[in-house]
Amino acid sequence: MGFALEARIKQANQRQQCVSQRLSQQNPQPRIHRAQSRIQQLEYRLTENIRSRLSEQRERFGNAVTHLEAVSPLATLARGYTVSTTTDGKVLKKIKQVKAGDIMTTRLEDGWLESEVKSVTPGT
């Protein structure tokens, strides 16, 4: 009877060890740790991608501003050019748009002039 009892105790201990081993293998802690590490990596990559895209967009915006400044009417005025308009606001492009006695407004870099056309001389 003592041997049978020892055998049953030994068998119960083995089952208990087997169950403990299976339970420790199913411990979610290592999986949770790996998932947290993966999340940190993805957050880092996302942050870097956002920084990179933001930097690219800033550069593109700066280039666009530079281009717009170069072709803006105000930049043209700053280089010494003027824009003349009729009294109804139409930009003067051709001499036939005005005649002697007409009033026109001229836009310069720092203001406007109003002048009267004294004479019109066609170019060659």
PDB file of N, CA and C in Angstrom:
ATOM      1  N   MET A   1       0.810  -1.185   0.000  1.00  0.00           N
ATOM      2  CA  MET A   1       0.000   0.000   0.000  1.00  0.00           C
ATOM      3  C   MET A   1       0.860   1.257   0.000  1.00  0.00           C
ATOM      4  N   GLY A   2       1.996   1.270   0.638  1.00  0.00           N
ATOM      5  CA  GLY A   2       2.886   2.415   0.684  1.00  0.00           C
ATOM      6  C   GLY A   2       3.421   2.747  -0.696  1.00  0.00           C
ATOM      7  N   PHE A   3       3.715   1.660  -1.472  1.00  0.00           N
ATOM      8  CA  PHE A   3       4.225   1.905  -2.823  1.00  0.00           C
ATOM      9  C   PHE A   3       3.154   2.522  -3.713  1.00  0.00           C
ATOM     10  N   ALA A   4       1.971   2.076  -3.577  1.00  0.00           N
ATOM     11  CA  ALA A   4       0.863   2.601  -4.379  1.00  0.00           C
ATOM     12  C   ALA A   4       0.629   4.073  -4.056  1.00  0.00           C
ATOM     13  N   LEU A   5       0.696   4.408  -2.781  1.00  0.00           N
ATOM     14  CA  LEU A   5       0.506   5.793  -2.358  1.00  0.00           C
ATOM     15  C   LEU A   5       1.642   6.671  -2.887  1.00  0.00           C
ATOM     16  N   GLU A   6       2.875   6.170  -2.805  1.00  0.00           N
ATOM     17  CA  GLU A   6       4.020   6.922  -3.326  1.00  0.00           C
ATOM     18  C   GLU A   6       3.892   7.116  -4.831  1.00  0.00           C
ATOM     19  N   ALA A   7       3.450   6.090  -5.520  1.00  0.00           N
ATOM     20  CA  ALA A   7       3.291   6.170  -6.974  1.00  0.00           C
ATOM     21  C   ALA A   7       2.237   7.218  -7.330  1.00  0.00           C
ATOM     22  N   ARG A   8       1.148   7.238  -6.567  1.00  0.00           N
ATOM     23  CA  ARG A   8       0.085   8.219  -6.832  1.00  0.00           C
ATOM     24  C   ARG A   8       0.584   9.633  -6.539  1.00  0.00           C
ATOM     25  N   ILE A   9       1.349   9.788  -5.471  1.00  0.00           N
ATOM     26  CA  ILE A   9       1.899  11.110  -5.130  1.00  0.00           C
ATOM     27  C   ILE A   9       2.870  11.559  -6.221  1.00  0.00           C
ATOM     28  N   LYS A  10       3.720  10.640  -6.672  1.00  0.00           N
ATOM     29  CA  LYS A  10       4.689  10.953  -7.718  1.00  0.00           C
ATOM     30  C   LYS A  10       3.960  11.341  -9.009  1.00  0.00           C
ATOM     31  N   GLN A  11       2.927  10.576  -9.326  1.00  0.00           N
ATOM     32  CA  GLN A  11       2.141  10.858 -10.528  1.00  0.00           C
ATOM     33  C   GLN A  11       1.441  12.225 -10.412  1.00  0.00           C
ATOM     34  N   ALA A  12       0.919  12.535  -9.240  1.00  0.00           N
ATOM     35  CA  ALA A  12       0.262  13.828  -9.015  1.00  0.00           C
ATOM     36  C   ALA A  12       1.280  14.963  -9.131  1.00  0.00           C
ATOM     37  N   ASN A  13       2.484  14.750  -8.597  1.00  0.00           N
ATOM     38  CA  ASN A  13       3.545  15.762  -8.709  1.00  0.00           C
ATOM     39  C   ASN A  13       3.920  15.996 -10.170  1.00  0.00           C
ATOM     40  N   GLN A  14       4.022  14.927 -10.935  1.00  0.00           N
ATOM     41  CA  GLN A  14       4.365  15.049 -12.352  1.00  0.00           C
ATOM     42  C   GLN A  14       3.277  15.815 -13.110  1.00  0.00           C
ATOM     43  N   ARG A  15       2.023  15.498 -12.807  1.00  0.00           N
ATOM     44  CA  ARG A  15       0.914  16.213 -13.442  1.00  0.00           C
ATOM     45  C   ARG A  15       0.944  17.697 -13.069  1.00  0.00           C
ATOM     46  N   GLN A  16       1.217  17.936 -11.799  1.00  0.00           N
ATOM     47  CA  GLN A  16       1.279  19.323 -11.324  1.00  0.00           C
ATOM     48  C   GLN A  16       2.411  20.072 -12.028  1.00  0.00           C
ATOM     49  N   GLN A  17       3.570  19.446 -12.198  1.00  0.00           N
ATOM     50  CA  GLN A  17       4.697  20.069 -12.899  1.00  0.00           C
ATOM     51  C   GLN A  17       4.346  20.321 -14.370  1.00  0.00           C
ATOM     52  N   CYS A  18       3.677  19.345 -14.968  1.00  0.00           N
ATOM     53  CA  CYS A  18       3.279  19.479 -16.376  1.00  0.00           C
ATOM     54  C   CYS A  18       2.305  20.647 -16.544  1.00  0.00           C
ATOM     55  N   VAL A  19       1.340  20.738 -15.652  1.00  0.00           N
ATOM     56  CA  VAL A  19       0.368  21.835 -15.700  1.00  0.00           C
ATOM     57  C   VAL A  19       1.072  23.169 -15.447  1.00  0.00           C
ATOM     58  N   SER A  20       1.984  23.209 -14.490  1.00  0.00           N
ATOM     59  CA  SER A  20       2.731  24.439 -14.201  1.00  0.00           C
ATOM     60  C   SER A  20       3.559  24.869 -15.405  1.00  0.00           C
ATOM     61  N   GLN A  21       4.178  23.891 -16.060  1.00  0.00           N
ATOM     62  CA  GLN A  21       4.995  24.186 -17.228  1.00  0.00           C
ATOM     63  C   GLN A  21       4.131  24.739 -18.370  1.00  0.00           C
ATOM     64  N   ARG A  22       2.994  24.117 -18.611  1.00  0.00           N
ATOM     65  CA  ARG A  22       2.090  24.606 -19.660  1.00  0.00           C
ATOM     66  C   ARG A  22       1.569  26.002 -19.323  1.00  0.00           C
ATOM     67  N   LEU A  23       1.272  26.208 -18.059  1.00  0.00           N
ATOM     68  CA  LEU A  23       0.778  27.509 -17.622  1.00  0.00           C
ATOM     69  C   LEU A  23       1.843  28.589 -17.820  1.00  0.00           C
ATOM     70  N   SER A  24       3.097  28.267 -17.482  1.00  0.00           N
ATOM     71  CA  SER A  24       4.167  29.259 -17.650  1.00  0.00           C
ATOM     72  C   SER A  24       4.420  29.541 -19.129  1.00  0.00           C
ATOM     73  N   GLN A  25       4.206  28.537 -19.999  1.00  0.00           N
ATOM     74  CA  GLN A  25       4.372  28.751 -21.437  1.00  0.00           C
ATOM     75  C   GLN A  25       3.269  29.652 -21.995  1.00  0.00           C
ATOM     76  N   GLN A  26       2.146  29.669 -21.355  1.00  0.00           N
ATOM     77  CA  GLN A  26       1.029  30.487 -21.817  1.00  0.00           C
ATOM     78  C   GLN A  26       0.998  31.855 -21.133  1.00  0.00           C
ATOM     79  N   ASN A  27       2.027  32.173 -20.392  1.00  0.00           N
ATOM     80  CA  ASN A  27       2.113  33.462 -19.715  1.00  0.00           C
ATOM     81  C   ASN A  27       2.104  34.577 -20.772  1.00  0.00           C
ATOM     82  N   PRO A  28       1.177  35.514 -20.689  1.00  0.00           N
ATOM     83  CA  PRO A  28       1.081  36.561 -21.707  1.00  0.00           C
ATOM     84  C   PRO A  28       2.142  37.661 -21.566  1.00  0.00           C
ATOM     85  N   GLN A  29       2.876  37.665 -20.485  1.00  0.00           N
ATOM     86  CA  GLN A  29       3.826  38.755 -20.235  1.00  0.00           C
ATOM     87  C   GLN A  29       4.858  38.922 -21.355  1.00  0.00           C
ATOM     88  N   PRO A  30       5.511  37.850 -21.833  1.00  0.00           N
ATOM     89  CA  PRO A  30       6.472  38.049 -22.935  1.00  0.00           C
ATOM     90  C   PRO A  30       5.804  38.601 -24.203  1.00  0.00           C
ATOM     91  N   ARG A  31       4.603  38.134 -24.514  1.00  0.00           N
ATOM     92  CA  ARG A  31       3.893  38.636 -25.698  1.00  0.00           C
ATOM     93  C   ARG A  31       3.542  40.110 -25.516  1.00  0.00           C
ATOM     94  N   ILE A  32       3.130  40.456 -24.313  1.00  0.00           N
ATOM     95  CA  ILE A  32       2.804  41.858 -24.027  1.00  0.00           C
ATOM     96  C   ILE A  32       4.049  42.722 -24.191  1.00  0.00           C
ATOM     97  N   HIS A  33       5.183  42.242 -23.685  1.00  0.00           N
ATOM     98  CA  HIS A  33       6.437  42.987 -23.791  1.00  0.00           C
ATOM     99  C   HIS A  33       6.822  43.176 -25.265  1.00  0.00           C
ATOM    100  N   ARG A  34       6.710  42.117 -26.078  1.00  0.00           N
ATOM    101  CA  ARG A  34       7.032  42.222 -27.509  1.00  0.00           C
ATOM    102  C   ARG A  34       6.084  43.209 -28.201  1.00  0.00           C
ATOM    103  N   ALA A  35       4.815  43.146 -27.843  1.00  0.00           N
ATOM    104  CA  ALA A  35       3.840  44.060 -28.447  1.00  0.00           C
ATOM    105  C   ALA A  35       4.149  45.507 -28.065  1.00  0.00           C
ATOM    106  N   GLN A  36       4.520  45.733 -26.816  1.00  0.00           N
ATOM    107  CA  GLN A  36       4.867  47.088 -26.381  1.00  0.00           C
ATOM    108  C   GLN A  36       6.104  47.595 -27.117  1.00  0.00           C
ATOM    109  N   SER A  37       7.080  46.725 -27.300  1.00  0.00           N
ATOM    110  CA  SER A  37       8.288  47.110 -28.046  1.00  0.00           C
ATOM    111  C   SER A  37       7.932  47.467 -29.483  1.00  0.00           C
ATOM    112  N   ARG A  38       7.077  46.676 -30.083  1.00  0.00           N
ATOM    113  CA  ARG A  38       6.655  46.925 -31.467  1.00  0.00           C
ATOM    114  C   ARG A  38       5.915  48.268 -31.563  1.00  0.00           C
ATOM    115  N   ILE A  39       5.065  48.531 -30.601  1.00  0.00           N
ATOM    116  CA  ILE A  39       4.336  49.804 -30.577  1.00  0.00           C
ATOM    117  C   ILE A  39       5.318  50.969 -30.467  1.00  0.00           C
ATOM    118  N   GLN A  40       6.325  50.838 -29.610  1.00  0.00           N
ATOM    119  CA  GLN A  40       7.325  51.905 -29.469  1.00  0.00           C
ATOM    120  C   GLN A  40       8.077  52.124 -30.781  1.00  0.00           C
ATOM    121  N   GLN A  41       8.434  51.027 -31.455  1.00  0.00           N
ATOM    122  CA  GLN A  41       9.128  51.152 -32.738  1.00  0.00           C
ATOM    123  C   GLN A  41       8.248  51.864 -33.763  1.00  0.00           C
ATOM    124  N   LEU A  42       6.986  51.470 -33.817  1.00  0.00           N
ATOM    125  CA  LEU A  42       6.069  52.083 -34.775  1.00  0.00           C
ATOM    126  C   LEU A  42       5.828  53.558 -34.456  1.00  0.00           C
ATOM    127  N   GLU A  43       5.723  53.887 -33.175  1.00  0.00           N
ATOM    128  CA  GLU A  43       5.560  55.292 -32.784  1.00  0.00           C
ATOM    129  C   GLU A  43       6.778  56.107 -33.205  1.00  0.00           C
ATOM    130  N   TYR A  44       7.965  55.553 -33.018  1.00  0.00           N
ATOM    131  CA  TYR A  44       9.194  56.246 -33.403  1.00  0.00           C
ATOM    132  C   TYR A  44       9.214  56.473 -34.920  1.00  0.00           C
ATOM    133  N   ARG A  45       8.904  55.415 -35.676  1.00  0.00           N
ATOM    134  CA  ARG A  45       8.893  55.534 -37.137  1.00  0.00           C
ATOM    135  C   ARG A  45       7.856  56.553 -37.599  1.00  0.00           C
ATOM    136  N   LEU A  46       6.687  56.537 -36.968  1.00  0.00           N
ATOM    137  CA  LEU A  46       5.639  57.492 -37.320  1.00  0.00           C
ATOM    138  C   LEU A  46       6.104  58.923 -37.053  1.00  0.00           C
ATOM    139  N   THR A  47       6.709  59.140 -35.898  1.00  0.00           N
ATOM    140  CA  THR A  47       7.207  60.472 -35.544  1.00  0.00           C
ATOM    141  C   THR A  47       8.259  60.933 -36.548  1.00  0.00           C
ATOM    142  N   GLU A  48       9.175  60.044 -36.899  1.00  0.00           N
ATOM    143  CA  GLU A  48      10.219  60.401 -37.866  1.00  0.00           C
ATOM    144  C   GLU A  48       9.623  60.697 -39.237  1.00  0.00           C
ATOM    145  N   ASN A  49       8.647  59.899 -39.648  1.00  0.00           N
ATOM    146  CA  ASN A  49       8.001  60.149 -40.938  1.00  0.00           C
ATOM    147  C   ASN A  49       7.272  61.489 -40.940  1.00  0.00           C
ATOM    148  N   ILE A  50       6.607  61.804 -39.847  1.00  0.00           N
ATOM    149  CA  ILE A  50       5.909  63.089 -39.748  1.00  0.00           C
ATOM    150  C   ILE A  50       6.911  64.235 -39.816  1.00  0.00           C
ATOM    151  N   ARG A  51       8.020  64.113 -39.085  1.00  0.00           N
ATOM    152  CA  ARG A  51       9.054  65.162 -39.122  1.00  0.00           C
ATOM    153  C   ARG A  51       9.605  65.342 -40.530  1.00  0.00           C
ATOM    154  N   SER A  52       9.870  64.226 -41.185  1.00  0.00           N
ATOM    155  CA  SER A  52      10.421  64.272 -42.532  1.00  0.00           C
ATOM    156  C   SER A  52       9.438  64.932 -43.503  1.00  0.00           C
ATOM    157  N   ARG A  53       8.184  64.515 -43.447  1.00  0.00           N
ATOM    158  CA  ARG A  53       7.165  65.092 -44.336  1.00  0.00           C
ATOM    159  C   ARG A  53       6.979  66.577 -44.054  1.00  0.00           C
ATOM    160  N   LEU A  54       6.981  66.938 -42.790  1.00  0.00           N
ATOM    161  CA  LEU A  54       6.817  68.344 -42.417  1.00  0.00           C
ATOM    162  C   LEU A  54       7.980  69.176 -42.954  1.00  0.00           C
ATOM    163  N   SER A  55       9.183  68.634 -42.852  1.00  0.00           N
ATOM    164  CA  SER A  55      10.361  69.329 -43.369  1.00  0.00           C
ATOM    165  C   SER A  55      10.260  69.498 -44.888  1.00  0.00           C
ATOM    166  N   GLU A  56       9.840  68.441 -45.578  1.00  0.00           N
ATOM    167  CA  GLU A  56       9.674  68.517 -47.029  1.00  0.00           C
ATOM    168  C   GLU A  56       8.620  69.556 -47.399  1.00  0.00           C
ATOM    169  N   GLN A  57       7.515  69.561 -46.668  1.00  0.00           N
ATOM    170  CA  GLN A  57       6.439  70.511 -46.965  1.00  0.00           C
ATOM    171  C   GLN A  57       6.886  71.949 -46.702  1.00  0.00           C
ATOM    172  N   ARG A  58       7.666  72.151 -45.638  1.00  0.00           N
ATOM    173  CA  ARG A  58       8.195  73.500 -45.362  1.00  0.00           C
ATOM    174  C   ARG A  58       9.088  73.968 -46.508  1.00  0.00           C
ATOM    175  N   GLU A  59       9.933  73.058 -46.994  1.00  0.00           N
ATOM    176  CA  GLU A  59      10.834  73.409 -48.091  1.00  0.00           C
ATOM    177  C   GLU A  59      10.034  73.737 -49.354  1.00  0.00           C
ATOM    178  N   ARG A  60       9.035  72.914 -49.661  1.00  0.00           N
ATOM    179  CA  ARG A  60       8.197  73.175 -50.835  1.00  0.00           C
ATOM    180  C   ARG A  60       7.466  74.508 -50.695  1.00  0.00           C
ATOM    181  N   PHE A  61       6.964  74.775 -49.497  1.00  0.00           N
ATOM    182  CA  PHE A  61       6.270  76.038 -49.252  1.00  0.00           C
ATOM    183  C   PHE A  61       7.223  77.212 -49.446  1.00  0.00           C
ATOM    184  N   GLY A  62       8.433  77.094 -48.901  1.00  0.00           N
ATOM    185  CA  GLY A  62       9.436  78.150 -49.062  1.00  0.00           C
ATOM    186  C   GLY A  62       9.773  78.388 -50.523  1.00  0.00           C
ATOM    187  N   ASN A  63       9.907  77.301 -51.287  1.00  0.00           N
ATOM    188  CA  ASN A  63      10.181  77.436 -52.721  1.00  0.00           C
ATOM    189  C   ASN A  63       9.024  78.125 -53.438  1.00  0.00           C
ATOM    190  N   ALA A  64       7.803  77.761 -53.063  1.00  0.00           N
ATOM    191  CA  ALA A  64       6.629  78.385 -53.685  1.00  0.00           C
ATOM    192  C   ALA A  64       6.571  79.872 -53.359  1.00  0.00           C
ATOM    193  N   VAL A  65       6.862  80.218 -52.116  1.00  0.00           N
ATOM    194  CA  VAL A  65       6.864  81.634 -51.714  1.00  0.00           C
ATOM    195  C   VAL A  65       7.919  82.398 -52.509  1.00  0.00           C
ATOM    196  N   THR A  66       9.106  81.817 -52.629  1.00  0.00           N
ATOM    197  CA  THR A  66      10.182  82.462 -53.387  1.00  0.00           C
ATOM    198  C   THR A  66       9.760  82.685 -54.836  1.00  0.00           C
ATOM    199  N   HIS A  67       9.153  81.664 -55.423  1.00  0.00           N
ATOM    200  CA  HIS A  67       8.699  81.775 -56.811  1.00  0.00           C
ATOM    201  C   HIS A  67       7.617  82.848 -56.947  1.00  0.00           C
ATOM    202  N   LEU A  68       6.661  82.831 -56.039  1.00  0.00           N
ATOM    203  CA  LEU A  68       5.581  83.827 -56.097  1.00  0.00           C
ATOM    204  C   LEU A  68       6.107  85.240 -55.887  1.00  0.00           C
ATOM    205  N   GLU A  69       7.068  85.387 -54.990  1.00  0.00           N
ATOM    206  CA  GLU A  69       7.653  86.713 -54.773  1.00  0.00           C
ATOM    207  C   GLU A  69       8.355  87.208 -56.034  1.00  0.00           C
ATOM    208  N   ALA A  70       8.990  86.289 -56.752  1.00  0.00           N
ATOM    209  CA  ALA A  70       9.726  86.682 -57.958  1.00  0.00           C
ATOM    210  C   ALA A  70       8.789  87.153 -59.067  1.00  0.00           C
ATOM    211  N   VAL A  71       7.599  86.591 -59.141  1.00  0.00           N
ATOM    212  CA  VAL A  71       6.685  86.954 -60.231  1.00  0.00           C
ATOM    213  C   VAL A  71       5.559  87.881 -59.784  1.00  0.00           C
ATOM    214  N   SER A  72       5.586  88.305 -58.547  1.00  0.00           N
ATOM    215  CA  SER A  72       4.494  89.153 -58.050  1.00  0.00           C
ATOM    216  C   SER A  72       4.568  90.544 -58.669  1.00  0.00           C
ATOM    217  N   PRO A  73       3.432  91.173 -58.846  1.00  0.00           N
ATOM    218  CA  PRO A  73       3.431  92.546 -59.369  1.00  0.00           C
ATOM    219  C   PRO A  73       4.214  93.502 -58.476  1.00  0.00           C
ATOM    220  N   LEU A  74       4.181  93.291 -57.178  1.00  0.00           N
ATOM    221  CA  LEU A  74       4.922  94.175 -56.272  1.00  0.00           C
ATOM    222  C   LEU A  74       6.428  94.052 -56.493  1.00  0.00           C
ATOM    223  N   ALA A  75       6.901  92.841 -56.770  1.00  0.00           N
ATOM    224  CA  ALA A  75       8.330  92.664 -57.056  1.00  0.00           C
ATOM    225  C   ALA A  75       8.689  93.363 -58.362  1.00  0.00           C
ATOM    226  N   THR A  76       7.785  93.309 -59.320  1.00  0.00           N
ATOM    227  CA  THR A  76       8.011  93.997 -60.595  1.00  0.00           C
ATOM    228  C   THR A  76       8.112  95.502 -60.369  1.00  0.00           C
ATOM    229  N   LEU A  77       7.225  96.027 -59.531  1.00  0.00           N
ATOM    230  CA  LEU A  77       7.280  97.457 -59.205  1.00  0.00           C
ATOM    231  C   LEU A  77       8.582  97.801 -58.491  1.00  0.00           C
ATOM    232  N   ALA A  78       9.037  96.927 -57.624  1.00  0.00           N
ATOM    233  CA  ALA A  78      10.278  97.168 -56.876  1.00  0.00           C
ATOM    234  C   ALA A  78      11.484  97.218 -57.809  1.00  0.00           C
ATOM    235  N   ARG A  79      11.398  96.550 -58.959  1.00  0.00           N
ATOM    236  CA  ARG A  79      12.504  96.577 -59.928  1.00  0.00           C
ATOM    237  C   ARG A  79      12.462  97.829 -60.808  1.00  0.00           C
ATOM    238  N   GLY A  80      11.471  98.708 -60.589  1.00  0.00           N
ATOM    239  CA  GLY A  80      11.430  99.965 -61.326  1.00  0.00           C
ATOM    240  C   GLY A  80      10.362 100.045 -62.394  1.00  0.00           C
ATOM    241  N   TYR A  81       9.590  99.019 -62.573  1.00  0.00           N
ATOM    242  CA  TYR A  81       8.516  99.058 -63.556  1.00  0.00           C
ATOM    243  C   TYR A  81       7.287  99.713 -62.945  1.00  0.00           C
ATOM    244  N   THR A  82       6.363 100.142 -63.809  1.00  0.00           N
ATOM    245  CA  THR A  82       5.112 100.743 -63.344  1.00  0.00           C
ATOM    246  C   THR A  82       3.946 100.074 -64.056  1.00  0.00           C
ATOM    247  N   VAL A  83       2.749 100.285 -63.518  1.00  0.00           N
ATOM    248  CA  VAL A  83       1.527  99.789 -64.148  1.00  0.00           C
ATOM    249  C   VAL A  83       0.579 100.975 -64.253  1.00  0.00           C
ATOM    250  N   SER A  84       0.166 101.272 -65.484  1.00  0.00           N
ATOM    251  CA  SER A  84      -0.752 102.393 -65.701  1.00  0.00           C
ATOM    252  C   SER A  84      -2.128 101.852 -66.047  1.00  0.00           C
ATOM    253  N   THR A  85      -3.167 102.543 -65.534  1.00  0.00           N
ATOM    254  CA  THR A  85      -4.544 102.125 -65.788  1.00  0.00           C
ATOM    255  C   THR A  85      -5.370 103.323 -66.237  1.00  0.00           C
ATOM    256  N   THR A  86      -6.451 103.012 -66.934  1.00  0.00           N
ATOM    257  CA  THR A  86      -7.402 104.050 -67.326  1.00  0.00           C
ATOM    258  C   THR A  86      -8.238 104.412 -66.110  1.00  0.00           C
ATOM    259  N   THR A  87      -9.083 105.431 -66.266  1.00  0.00           N
ATOM    260  CA  THR A  87      -9.914 105.851 -65.132  1.00  0.00           C
ATOM    261  C   THR A  87     -10.895 104.765 -64.705  1.00  0.00           C
ATOM    262  N   ASP A  88     -11.239 103.847 -65.614  1.00  0.00           N
ATOM    263  CA  ASP A  88     -12.147 102.757 -65.233  1.00  0.00           C
ATOM    264  C   ASP A  88     -11.394 101.507 -64.767  1.00  0.00           C
ATOM    265  N   GLY A  89     -10.079 101.628 -64.561  1.00  0.00           N
ATOM    266  CA  GLY A  89      -9.300 100.546 -63.959  1.00  0.00           C
ATOM    267  C   GLY A  89      -8.689  99.545 -64.916  1.00  0.00           C
ATOM    268  N   LYS A  90      -8.838  99.752 -66.230  1.00  0.00           N
ATOM    269  CA  LYS A  90      -8.258  98.812 -67.193  1.00  0.00           C
ATOM    270  C   LYS A  90      -6.765  99.089 -67.342  1.00  0.00           C
ATOM    271  N   VAL A  91      -5.970  98.018 -67.318  1.00  0.00           N
ATOM    272  CA  VAL A  91      -4.519  98.154 -67.463  1.00  0.00           C
ATOM    273  C   VAL A  91      -4.204  98.588 -68.887  1.00  0.00           C
ATOM    274  N   LEU A  92      -3.346  99.604 -68.991  1.00  0.00           N
ATOM    275  CA  LEU A  92      -2.935 100.097 -70.306  1.00  0.00           C
ATOM    276  C   LEU A  92      -1.848  99.192 -70.875  1.00  0.00           C
ATOM    277  N   LYS A  93      -2.174  98.619 -72.058  1.00  0.00           N
ATOM    278  CA  LYS A  93      -1.215  97.738 -72.725  1.00  0.00           C
ATOM    279  C   LYS A  93      -0.808  98.299 -74.085  1.00  0.00           C
ATOM    280  N   LYS A  94      -1.714  99.037 -74.685  1.00  0.00           N
ATOM    281  CA  LYS A  94      -1.478  99.563 -76.032  1.00  0.00           C
ATOM    282  C   LYS A  94      -1.745 101.066 -76.032  1.00  0.00           C
ATOM    283  N   ILE A  95      -1.017 101.754 -76.881  1.00  0.00           N
ATOM    284  CA  ILE A  95      -1.146 103.211 -76.966  1.00  0.00           C
ATOM    285  C   ILE A  95      -2.535 103.634 -77.443  1.00  0.00           C
ATOM    286  N   LYS A  96      -3.200 102.771 -78.215  1.00  0.00           N
ATOM    287  CA  LYS A  96      -4.518 103.121 -78.749  1.00  0.00           C
ATOM    288  C   LYS A  96      -5.603 103.146 -77.663  1.00  0.00           C
ATOM    289  N   GLN A  97      -5.260 102.733 -76.437  1.00  0.00           N
ATOM    290  CA  GLN A  97      -6.234 102.759 -75.346  1.00  0.00           C
ATOM    291  C   GLN A  97      -6.416 104.163 -74.767  1.00  0.00           C
ATOM    292  N   VAL A  98      -5.500 105.087 -75.096  1.00  0.00           N
ATOM    293  CA  VAL A  98      -5.591 106.453 -74.564  1.00  0.00           C
ATOM    294  C   VAL A  98      -5.451 107.471 -75.692  1.00  0.00           C
ATOM    295  N   LYS A  99      -5.904 108.676 -75.379  1.00  0.00           N
ATOM    296  CA  LYS A  99      -5.743 109.792 -76.321  1.00  0.00           C
ATOM    297  C   LYS A  99      -5.379 111.033 -75.513  1.00  0.00           C
ATOM    298  N   ALA A 100      -4.941 112.035 -76.181  1.00  0.00           N
ATOM    299  CA  ALA A 100      -4.560 113.288 -75.508  1.00  0.00           C
ATOM    300  C   ALA A 100      -5.742 113.793 -74.689  1.00  0.00           C
ATOM    301  N   GLY A 101      -5.460 114.183 -73.459  1.00  0.00           N
ATOM    302  CA  GLY A 101      -6.487 114.688 -72.557  1.00  0.00           C
ATOM    303  C   GLY A 101      -7.019 113.648 -71.582  1.00  0.00           C
ATOM    304  N   ASP A 102      -6.772 112.349 -71.860  1.00  0.00           N
ATOM    305  CA  ASP A 102      -7.233 111.288 -70.940  1.00  0.00           C
ATOM    306  C   ASP A 102      -6.455 111.354 -69.629  1.00  0.00           C
ATOM    307  N   ILE A 103      -7.131 110.967 -68.568  1.00  0.00           N
ATOM    308  CA  ILE A 103      -6.485 110.873 -67.256  1.00  0.00           C
ATOM    309  C   ILE A 103      -6.138 109.399 -67.026  1.00  0.00           C
ATOM    310  N   MET A 104      -4.941 109.162 -66.521  1.00  0.00           N
ATOM    311  CA  MET A 104      -4.544 107.783 -66.196  1.00  0.00           C
ATOM    312  C   MET A 104      -3.872 107.749 -64.828  1.00  0.00           C
ATOM    313  N   THR A 105      -3.937 106.583 -64.212  1.00  0.00           N
ATOM    314  CA  THR A 105      -3.316 106.376 -62.907  1.00  0.00           C
ATOM    315  C   THR A 105      -2.140 105.431 -63.101  1.00  0.00           C
ATOM    316  N   THR A 106      -1.014 105.762 -62.493  1.00  0.00           N
ATOM    317  CA  THR A 106       0.184 104.925 -62.608  1.00  0.00           C
ATOM    318  C   THR A 106       0.588 104.452 -61.218  1.00  0.00           C
ATOM    319  N   ARG A 107       0.769 103.150 -61.113  1.00  0.00           N
ATOM    320  CA  ARG A 107       1.170 102.526 -59.837  1.00  0.00           C
ATOM    321  C   ARG A 107       2.676 102.369 -59.845  1.00  0.00           C
ATOM    322  N   LEU A 108       3.337 102.911 -58.809  1.00  0.00           N
ATOM    323  CA  LEU A 108       4.776 102.752 -58.606  1.00  0.00           C
ATOM    324  C   LEU A 108       4.983 101.914 -57.348  1.00  0.00           C
ATOM    325  N   GLU A 109       6.221 101.651 -57.030  1.00  0.00           N
ATOM    326  CA  GLU A 109       6.511 100.826 -55.849  1.00  0.00           C
ATOM    327  C   GLU A 109       5.938 101.443 -54.580  1.00  0.00           C
ATOM    328  N   ASP A 110       6.041 102.755 -54.450  1.00  0.00           N
ATOM    329  CA  ASP A 110       5.663 103.387 -53.181  1.00  0.00           C
ATOM    330  C   ASP A 110       4.400 104.244 -53.259  1.00  0.00           C
ATOM    331  N   GLY A 111       3.609 104.125 -54.322  1.00  0.00           N
ATOM    332  CA  GLY A 111       2.377 104.903 -54.394  1.00  0.00           C
ATOM    333  C   GLY A 111       1.821 104.999 -55.805  1.00  0.00           C
ATOM    334  N   TRP A 112       0.912 105.982 -55.998  1.00  0.00           N
ATOM    335  CA  TRP A 112       0.226 106.166 -57.270  1.00  0.00           C
ATOM    336  C   TRP A 112       0.427 107.588 -57.772  1.00  0.00           C
ATOM    337  N   LEU A 113       0.389 107.723 -59.079  1.00  0.00           N
ATOM    338  CA  LEU A 113       0.402 109.034 -59.731  1.00  0.00           C
ATOM    339  C   LEU A 113      -0.852 109.137 -60.584  1.00  0.00           C
ATOM    340  N   GLU A 114      -1.418 110.312 -60.624  1.00  0.00           N
ATOM    341  CA  GLU A 114      -2.504 110.548 -61.560  1.00  0.00           C
ATOM    342  C   GLU A 114      -1.985 111.579 -62.539  1.00  0.00           C
ATOM    343  N   SER A 115      -2.130 111.277 -63.824  1.00  0.00           N
ATOM    344  CA  SER A 115      -1.567 112.186 -64.823  1.00  0.00           C
ATOM    345  C   SER A 115      -2.515 112.325 -66.013  1.00  0.00           C
ATOM    346  N   GLU A 116      -2.304 113.417 -66.745  1.00  0.00           N
ATOM    347  CA  GLU A 116      -3.101 113.671 -67.949  1.00  0.00           C
ATOM    348  C   GLU A 116      -2.203 113.426 -69.152  1.00  0.00           C
ATOM    349  N   VAL A 117      -2.744 112.717 -70.141  1.00  0.00           N
ATOM    350  CA  VAL A 117      -1.985 112.432 -71.360  1.00  0.00           C
ATOM    351  C   VAL A 117      -1.936 113.713 -72.185  1.00  0.00           C
ATOM    352  N   LYS A 118      -0.731 114.203 -72.465  1.00  0.00           N
ATOM    353  CA  LYS A 118      -0.553 115.422 -73.261  1.00  0.00           C
ATOM    354  C   LYS A 118      -0.562 115.088 -74.750  1.00  0.00           C
ATOM    355  N   SER A 119       0.120 113.977 -75.085  1.00  0.00           N
ATOM    356  CA  SER A 119       0.145 113.567 -76.495  1.00  0.00           C
ATOM    357  C   SER A 119       0.394 112.065 -76.559  1.00  0.00           C
ATOM    358  N   VAL A 120       0.069 111.489 -77.707  1.00  0.00           N
ATOM    359  CA  VAL A 120       0.254 110.054 -77.934  1.00  0.00           C
ATOM    360  C   VAL A 120       1.112 109.906 -79.179  1.00  0.00           C
ATOM    361  N   THR A 121       2.243 109.214 -79.057  1.00  0.00           N
ATOM    362  CA  THR A 121       3.145 109.011 -80.184  1.00  0.00           C
ATOM    363  C   THR A 121       3.352 107.517 -80.383  1.00  0.00           C
ATOM    364  N   PRO A 122       2.846 106.950 -81.465  1.00  0.00           N
ATOM    365  CA  PRO A 122       3.033 105.515 -81.709  1.00  0.00           C
ATOM    366  C   PRO A 122       4.505 105.180 -81.921  1.00  0.00           C
ATOM    367  N   GLY A 123       4.898 103.991 -81.455  1.00  0.00           N
ATOM    368  CA  GLY A 123       6.273 103.528 -81.638  1.00  0.00           C
ATOM    369  C   GLY A 123       6.427 102.833 -82.969  1.00  0.00           C
ATOM    370  N   THR A 124       7.639 102.461 -83.275  1.00  0.00           N
ATOM    371  CA  THR A 124       7.899 101.810 -84.551  1.00  0.00           C
ATOM    372  C   THR A 124       7.846 100.321 -84.447  1.00  0.00           C
TER     373      THR A 124
END
